[in-house]
C-alpha cells in the first residue's frame, strides 16, 4: 500500500535563507527559491 502524501510550497530568500510568502518569491525569481516539500498525511 502506498503512503499518502501531500505537498506544500514555501518561499525562501536565496541569500539569507529566510522564509517569505510564495507570491513574493514568484515576483523575485532571481533572488528567491520556491521549494516543494512532501508532508505525509496523518491517519
C-alpha atoms as a PDB file:
ATOM      1  CA  UNK A   1       0.000   0.000   0.000  1.00  0.00           C
ATOM      2  CA  UNK A   2       1.394   3.414  -0.962  1.00  0.00           C
ATOM      3  CA  UNK A   3       1.705   6.054   1.704  1.00  0.00           C
ATOM      4  CA  UNK A   4      -0.366   9.131   1.027  1.00  0.00           C
ATOM      5  CA  UNK A   5       1.489  12.418   0.996  1.00  0.00           C
ATOM      6  CA  UNK A   6       0.544  15.978   0.347  1.00  0.00           C
ATOM      7  CA  UNK A   7       2.845  18.703  -0.911  1.00  0.00           C
ATOM      8  CA  UNK A   8       3.216  22.277   0.242  1.00  0.00           C
ATOM      9  CA  UNK A   9       5.152  25.113  -1.333  1.00  0.00           C
ATOM     10  CA  UNK A  10       7.240  27.592   0.608  1.00  0.00           C
ATOM     11  CA  UNK A  11       9.225  30.600  -0.493  1.00  0.00           C
ATOM     12  CA  UNK A  12      12.781  31.179   0.671  1.00  0.00           C
ATOM     13  CA  UNK A  13      15.205  34.051   0.162  1.00  0.00           C
ATOM     14  CA  UNK A  14      18.307  32.615  -1.544  1.00  0.00           C
ATOM     15  CA  UNK A  15      20.737  34.961   0.202  1.00  0.00           C
ATOM     16  CA  UNK A  16      19.598  34.854   3.822  1.00  0.00           C
ATOM     17  CA  UNK A  17      17.580  31.608   3.846  1.00  0.00           C
ATOM     18  CA  UNK A  18      14.602  33.289   5.498  1.00  0.00           C
ATOM     19  CA  UNK A  19      11.079  32.126   4.713  1.00  0.00           C
ATOM     20  CA  UNK A  20       8.944  34.519   2.665  1.00  0.00           C
ATOM     21  CA  UNK A  21       5.462  34.282   1.106  1.00  0.00           C
ATOM     22  CA  UNK A  22       5.273  32.224  -2.114  1.00  0.00           C
ATOM     23  CA  UNK A  23       3.765  35.142  -4.065  1.00  0.00           C
ATOM     24  CA  UNK A  24       6.707  37.331  -3.072  1.00  0.00           C
ATOM     25  CA  UNK A  25       9.152  34.613  -4.148  1.00  0.00           C
ATOM     26  CA  UNK A  26       7.445  34.270  -7.527  1.00  0.00           C
ATOM     27  CA  UNK A  27       7.757  38.039  -8.066  1.00  0.00           C
ATOM     28  CA  UNK A  28      11.540  37.952  -7.429  1.00  0.00           C
ATOM     29  CA  UNK A  29      12.798  34.780  -9.180  1.00  0.00           C
ATOM     30  CA  UNK A  30      16.449  35.909  -9.373  1.00  0.00           C
ATOM     31  CA  UNK A  31      16.931  36.150  -5.606  1.00  0.00           C
ATOM     32  CA  UNK A  32      14.402  33.628  -4.272  1.00  0.00           C
ATOM     33  CA  UNK A  33      13.525  29.936  -4.429  1.00  0.00           C
ATOM     34  CA  UNK A  34      10.089  28.281  -4.251  1.00  0.00           C
ATOM     35  CA  UNK A  35      10.504  24.867  -2.621  1.00  0.00           C
ATOM     36  CA  UNK A  36       8.078  21.949  -2.737  1.00  0.00           C
ATOM     37  CA  UNK A  37       8.017  19.824   0.418  1.00  0.00           C
ATOM     38  CA  UNK A  38       6.290  16.433   0.737  1.00  0.00           C
ATOM     39  CA  UNK A  39       4.397  16.063   4.006  1.00  0.00           C
ATOM     40  CA  UNK A  40       2.967  12.659   4.978  1.00  0.00           C
ATOM     41  CA  UNK A  41      -0.744  12.679   5.735  1.00  0.00           C
ATOM     42  CA  UNK A  42      -1.831  11.707   9.223  1.00  0.00           C
ATOM     43  CA  UNK A  43      -4.177   8.768   9.656  1.00  0.00           C
END
